[in-house]
N, C-alpha and C. Protein backbone atom coordinates (compact mmCIF):
# COMPACT_ATOMS: atom_id res chain seq x y z
N MET A 1 177.49 22.34 -215.87
CA MET A 1 178.75 22.36 -215.74
C MET A 1 179.35 20.95 -215.10
N GLU A 2 178.39 19.84 -215.46
CA GLU A 2 178.94 18.64 -215.21
C GLU A 2 180.03 18.28 -216.47
N SER A 3 179.89 19.38 -217.36
CA SER A 3 181.04 18.79 -218.55
C SER A 3 181.89 20.04 -218.60
N TRP A 4 182.65 20.92 -217.51
CA TRP A 4 183.24 21.85 -217.31
C TRP A 4 184.73 21.28 -217.32
N PRO A 5 185.64 22.00 -218.59
CA PRO A 5 186.72 21.39 -218.23
C PRO A 5 187.77 21.37 -217.24
N VAL A 6 188.35 20.61 -216.58
CA VAL A 6 188.98 20.78 -215.72
C VAL A 6 190.05 19.61 -215.76
N SER A 7 191.07 19.80 -215.22
CA SER A 7 192.41 18.69 -215.10
C SER A 7 191.95 17.27 -214.08
N MET A 8 192.34 16.51 -214.95
CA MET A 8 191.99 15.15 -214.19
C MET A 8 192.14 15.12 -212.65
N HIS A 9 193.14 15.53 -212.10
CA HIS A 9 193.54 15.58 -210.66
C HIS A 9 192.60 16.56 -209.91
N SER A 10 191.79 17.40 -210.81
CA SER A 10 190.45 18.08 -210.00
C SER A 10 189.40 17.89 -210.35
N ILE A 11 188.90 16.69 -211.07
CA ILE A 11 187.86 16.64 -211.22
C ILE A 11 186.62 15.98 -210.41
N HIS A 12 187.57 15.54 -209.20
CA HIS A 12 186.43 14.60 -208.25
C HIS A 12 186.15 15.91 -207.26
N HIS A 13 187.11 17.10 -207.30
CA HIS A 13 186.77 18.45 -206.41
C HIS A 13 185.80 18.92 -206.92
N LEU A 14 185.37 19.06 -208.25
CA LEU A 14 184.33 19.68 -208.83
C LEU A 14 183.31 18.93 -208.58
N LYS A 15 183.25 17.50 -208.74
CA LYS A 15 182.17 16.65 -208.46
C LYS A 15 181.58 16.70 -206.91
N ASP A 16 182.36 17.00 -206.11
CA ASP A 16 182.11 17.09 -204.68
C ASP A 16 181.41 18.52 -204.38
N LEU A 17 181.64 19.63 -205.14
CA LEU A 17 181.68 20.77 -205.14
C LEU A 17 179.76 20.80 -205.30
N PHE A 18 179.22 20.05 -206.42
CA PHE A 18 177.94 19.99 -206.71
C PHE A 18 177.08 19.55 -206.05
N GLU A 19 177.45 18.69 -204.91
CA GLU A 19 176.45 18.48 -203.53
C GLU A 19 176.34 19.78 -202.49
N THR A 20 177.19 20.48 -202.46
CA THR A 20 176.89 21.58 -201.83
C THR A 20 176.93 22.86 -202.35
N HIS A 21 177.09 23.45 -203.65
CA HIS A 21 177.17 24.62 -204.19
C HIS A 21 176.55 24.79 -205.54
N ASP A 22 175.79 26.06 -205.80
CA ASP A 22 175.32 26.22 -206.71
C ASP A 22 176.49 27.04 -207.84
N ILE A 23 176.79 25.90 -208.86
CA ILE A 23 177.99 26.66 -209.79
C ILE A 23 177.76 27.38 -210.86
N CYS A 24 178.00 28.31 -210.91
CA CYS A 24 177.77 29.05 -212.34
C CYS A 24 179.55 29.35 -212.90
N PRO A 25 179.26 29.30 -214.48
CA PRO A 25 180.57 29.75 -215.27
C PRO A 25 180.60 31.38 -215.00
N LEU A 26 182.02 31.44 -214.69
CA LEU A 26 182.56 32.72 -214.63
C LEU A 26 183.00 33.33 -215.90
N PRO A 27 182.06 34.26 -216.76
CA PRO A 27 182.31 34.84 -217.92
C PRO A 27 183.84 35.55 -217.96
N ALA A 28 185.06 35.04 -218.57
CA ALA A 28 185.81 35.57 -218.97
C ALA A 28 186.48 36.51 -220.57
N PHE A 29 187.01 37.26 -220.59
CA PHE A 29 187.14 37.75 -221.64
C PHE A 29 188.59 38.23 -221.79
N ASN A 30 188.95 37.94 -223.01
CA ASN A 30 190.30 38.26 -223.55
C ASN A 30 190.53 39.99 -223.73
N THR A 31 191.87 40.12 -224.20
CA THR A 31 192.20 41.47 -224.02
C THR A 31 191.55 42.38 -225.19
N ASN A 32 190.81 41.61 -226.39
CA ASN A 32 189.91 42.14 -227.27
C ASN A 32 188.64 42.42 -226.70
N ARG A 33 188.04 42.34 -225.32
CA ARG A 33 186.87 42.28 -224.95
C ARG A 33 185.93 41.08 -225.56
N CYS A 34 187.05 39.93 -226.14
CA CYS A 34 185.84 38.80 -226.58
C CYS A 34 185.98 37.29 -225.87
N LEU A 35 184.75 36.97 -225.45
CA LEU A 35 184.53 35.83 -224.70
C LEU A 35 185.43 34.75 -224.77
N ILE A 36 186.39 34.37 -223.69
CA ILE A 36 186.89 33.19 -223.90
C ILE A 36 186.33 32.00 -223.39
N PRO A 37 186.18 31.13 -224.58
CA PRO A 37 185.56 29.56 -224.48
C PRO A 37 185.97 29.13 -223.14
N SER A 38 185.44 28.46 -222.51
CA SER A 38 185.69 27.51 -221.06
C SER A 38 186.62 26.51 -221.32
N SER A 39 186.59 26.10 -222.80
CA SER A 39 188.01 25.14 -222.84
C SER A 39 189.42 26.03 -223.18
N GLN A 40 189.38 26.98 -223.25
CA GLN A 40 190.67 27.54 -223.45
C GLN A 40 190.93 28.42 -222.01
N TYR A 41 190.10 28.43 -221.14
CA TYR A 41 190.49 29.07 -219.71
C TYR A 41 191.79 28.65 -219.10
N ASP A 42 192.22 27.49 -218.82
CA ASP A 42 193.21 27.17 -218.70
C ASP A 42 194.55 27.76 -219.25
N SER A 43 194.64 27.86 -220.28
CA SER A 43 195.67 28.13 -221.42
C SER A 43 195.79 29.73 -221.60
N SER A 44 194.76 30.26 -221.18
CA SER A 44 193.93 32.02 -221.71
C SER A 44 194.46 32.48 -220.02
N LEU A 45 194.30 31.98 -219.11
CA LEU A 45 194.56 32.59 -217.80
C LEU A 45 195.58 32.45 -217.04
N ARG A 46 196.01 31.46 -217.08
CA ARG A 46 197.36 30.91 -216.20
C ARG A 46 198.22 31.83 -216.38
N GLY A 47 198.75 32.41 -215.50
CA GLY A 47 199.69 33.21 -215.67
C GLY A 47 199.21 35.12 -216.12
N ALA A 48 198.17 35.24 -216.54
CA ALA A 48 197.47 36.12 -216.98
C ALA A 48 197.57 37.25 -216.04
N MET A 49 197.57 38.56 -216.35
CA MET A 49 197.15 39.69 -215.48
C MET A 49 195.52 40.08 -215.62
N ALA A 50 194.79 40.22 -214.59
CA ALA A 50 193.57 40.00 -214.88
C ALA A 50 192.46 41.11 -214.17
N LYS A 51 191.70 41.90 -214.43
CA LYS A 51 190.93 42.81 -213.50
C LYS A 51 189.46 41.96 -213.48
N VAL A 52 189.35 41.72 -212.43
CA VAL A 52 188.02 40.64 -211.61
C VAL A 52 187.15 42.16 -210.95
N HIS A 53 185.81 41.87 -211.45
CA HIS A 53 184.80 42.13 -210.96
C HIS A 53 183.93 41.38 -210.12
N PHE A 54 183.72 41.75 -208.86
CA PHE A 54 183.19 41.11 -207.83
C PHE A 54 181.96 41.79 -206.45
N THR A 55 181.14 41.44 -206.09
CA THR A 55 180.46 41.61 -205.10
C THR A 55 180.78 41.08 -203.78
N VAL A 56 180.83 41.59 -202.67
CA VAL A 56 180.57 40.87 -201.45
C VAL A 56 179.89 40.94 -200.53
N THR A 57 179.12 40.19 -200.36
CA THR A 57 177.88 40.14 -199.28
C THR A 57 177.77 39.92 -198.06
N HIS A 58 177.78 40.88 -197.01
CA HIS A 58 177.79 39.55 -195.91
C HIS A 58 176.09 39.61 -195.23
N HIS A 59 176.10 38.92 -194.39
CA HIS A 59 174.54 38.19 -193.66
C HIS A 59 175.30 37.83 -192.32
N PHE A 60 174.54 38.60 -191.15
CA PHE A 60 174.40 38.03 -189.87
C PHE A 60 173.30 37.60 -189.63
N ILE A 61 173.53 35.87 -189.22
CA ILE A 61 172.45 35.29 -188.95
C ILE A 61 172.26 34.86 -187.07
N LYS A 62 171.22 36.05 -186.91
CA LYS A 62 171.26 36.34 -185.13
C LYS A 62 171.08 35.02 -184.62
N LYS A 63 169.96 33.94 -185.26
CA LYS A 63 169.81 32.57 -184.57
C LYS A 63 171.21 32.20 -183.99
N ASN A 64 172.08 31.76 -185.04
CA ASN A 64 173.37 31.33 -184.53
C ASN A 64 174.60 32.22 -184.26
N LYS A 65 174.21 33.61 -184.00
CA LYS A 65 175.46 34.36 -183.76
C LYS A 65 176.61 33.89 -184.86
N CYS A 66 176.04 34.37 -186.27
CA CYS A 66 177.23 33.75 -187.03
C CYS A 66 176.85 34.85 -188.54
N HIS A 67 178.46 35.19 -188.52
CA HIS A 67 178.70 36.20 -189.69
C HIS A 67 178.86 34.97 -191.16
N VAL A 68 178.44 35.42 -192.34
CA VAL A 68 178.34 34.85 -193.41
C VAL A 68 179.12 35.87 -194.69
N TYR A 69 180.05 35.75 -195.29
CA TYR A 69 180.56 36.50 -196.33
C TYR A 69 180.27 35.91 -197.37
N MET A 70 179.78 36.42 -198.83
CA MET A 70 179.64 35.45 -200.20
C MET A 70 179.90 36.71 -200.80
N THR A 71 181.11 35.93 -202.08
CA THR A 71 181.34 36.53 -203.04
C THR A 71 181.01 36.00 -204.31
N LEU A 72 180.71 36.93 -205.04
CA LEU A 72 180.06 36.86 -206.24
C LEU A 72 180.49 37.01 -207.43
N LEU A 73 181.36 36.63 -208.17
CA LEU A 73 182.30 37.09 -209.21
C LEU A 73 181.23 37.27 -210.38
N HIS A 74 181.43 38.31 -211.15
CA HIS A 74 180.67 38.72 -212.16
C HIS A 74 181.43 38.74 -213.52
N ARG A 75 182.71 39.42 -213.51
CA ARG A 75 183.34 39.32 -214.92
C ARG A 75 184.96 38.90 -214.71
N LEU A 76 185.26 38.49 -215.25
CA LEU A 76 187.19 38.74 -215.45
C LEU A 76 187.66 39.23 -216.75
N GLN A 77 188.35 40.17 -216.82
CA GLN A 77 188.75 40.67 -218.05
C GLN A 77 190.46 40.33 -218.07
N VAL A 78 190.79 39.85 -219.06
CA VAL A 78 192.48 39.65 -219.19
C VAL A 78 193.10 41.48 -219.71
N LEU A 79 193.96 41.74 -218.97
CA LEU A 79 194.61 43.06 -218.98
C LEU A 79 195.82 42.61 -219.82
N CYS A 80 196.47 41.72 -219.47
CA CYS A 80 197.82 41.36 -220.22
C CYS A 80 198.00 39.87 -220.16
N GLY A 81 197.91 38.97 -221.33
CA GLY A 81 198.15 37.78 -221.44
C GLY A 81 199.34 36.90 -221.03
N PRO A 82 199.11 35.90 -220.68
CA PRO A 82 200.43 34.98 -220.04
C PRO A 82 201.78 35.39 -221.07
N ASP A 83 202.58 34.95 -220.05
CA ASP A 83 204.06 35.14 -221.06
C ASP A 83 203.94 33.92 -221.99
N MET A 84 205.02 33.94 -223.02
CA MET A 84 204.76 32.71 -223.61
C MET A 84 205.98 31.87 -223.14
N VAL A 85 205.46 30.71 -222.96
CA VAL A 85 206.96 29.60 -221.97
C VAL A 85 207.24 28.96 -223.16
N PRO A 86 208.70 28.48 -223.13
CA PRO A 86 209.11 27.76 -224.33
C PRO A 86 208.67 26.45 -223.97
N SER A 87 208.37 25.61 -224.91
CA SER A 87 207.94 24.04 -225.13
C SER A 87 208.82 22.92 -224.22
N SER A 88 210.48 23.37 -224.14
CA SER A 88 211.41 22.76 -223.53
C SER A 88 212.11 23.88 -222.78
N PRO A 89 212.74 23.18 -221.45
CA PRO A 89 213.42 24.03 -220.58
C PRO A 89 214.75 24.38 -221.39
N PHE A 90 215.66 23.46 -222.45
CA PHE A 90 216.90 23.18 -223.02
C PHE A 90 216.57 24.60 -224.29
N LYS A 91 215.27 25.06 -224.65
CA LYS A 91 214.88 26.15 -225.20
C LYS A 91 215.41 27.48 -224.61
N CYS A 92 215.91 27.55 -223.29
CA CYS A 92 216.06 28.65 -222.42
C CYS A 92 217.60 28.52 -222.33
N VAL A 93 218.39 28.01 -222.35
CA VAL A 93 220.00 27.67 -222.52
C VAL A 93 220.45 28.34 -223.55
N HIS A 94 221.07 29.45 -223.30
CA HIS A 94 221.82 30.40 -224.32
C HIS A 94 223.39 29.97 -224.41
N VAL A 95 223.93 29.32 -225.02
CA VAL A 95 225.49 28.89 -225.03
C VAL A 95 226.08 30.04 -225.54
N SER A 96 227.04 30.43 -224.67
CA SER A 96 227.81 31.64 -225.34
C SER A 96 229.30 31.45 -225.81
N MET A 97 229.69 31.80 -227.00
CA MET A 97 230.85 31.32 -227.74
C MET A 97 231.88 31.99 -226.87
N ALA A 98 231.85 33.09 -225.99
CA ALA A 98 232.90 33.55 -224.88
C ALA A 98 232.49 32.65 -223.74
N SER A 99 232.15 32.09 -223.39
CA SER A 99 232.40 31.23 -221.98
C SER A 99 233.64 31.02 -221.38
N PRO A 100 233.71 31.06 -220.42
CA PRO A 100 235.10 30.57 -219.64
C PRO A 100 235.31 29.20 -220.04
N GLY A 101 236.62 28.81 -220.35
CA GLY A 101 237.02 27.51 -221.05
C GLY A 101 236.98 27.75 -222.41
N HIS A 102 236.55 28.48 -223.15
CA HIS A 102 236.48 28.19 -224.54
C HIS A 102 237.67 29.42 -225.18
N LYS A 103 238.59 28.85 -226.07
CA LYS A 103 239.42 29.27 -226.65
C LYS A 103 238.66 29.78 -227.60
N SER A 104 239.28 31.15 -228.17
CA SER A 104 239.11 31.74 -229.28
C SER A 104 240.78 31.68 -230.41
N HIS A 105 240.16 31.17 -231.53
CA HIS A 105 241.55 31.33 -232.69
C HIS A 105 241.37 32.08 -233.28
N ALA A 106 241.78 33.49 -233.05
CA ALA A 106 241.96 34.60 -234.09
C ALA A 106 242.93 34.76 -234.56
């Protein structure tokens, strides 16, 4: 997990988690049910619609009178990939020839 691909602004958060958590990679699968490499998680999962299989476990600790809930993720299946986003915001602008102020010479 030390080589887990995370963004530069998140790497210190991952290192902090190593001290207090047992971190296991979550298997994620694309729409063809093929395993997504962890290096492609960000591009494959950001904006995608997915189905997540998980369990929730509850423990009551009598000594501390404390309720503890744990979530264990088992599998993530992409149902619909993310929308394609243009590389430049200018690609979203459509100039219409019939825009106001444009005179047609017909």
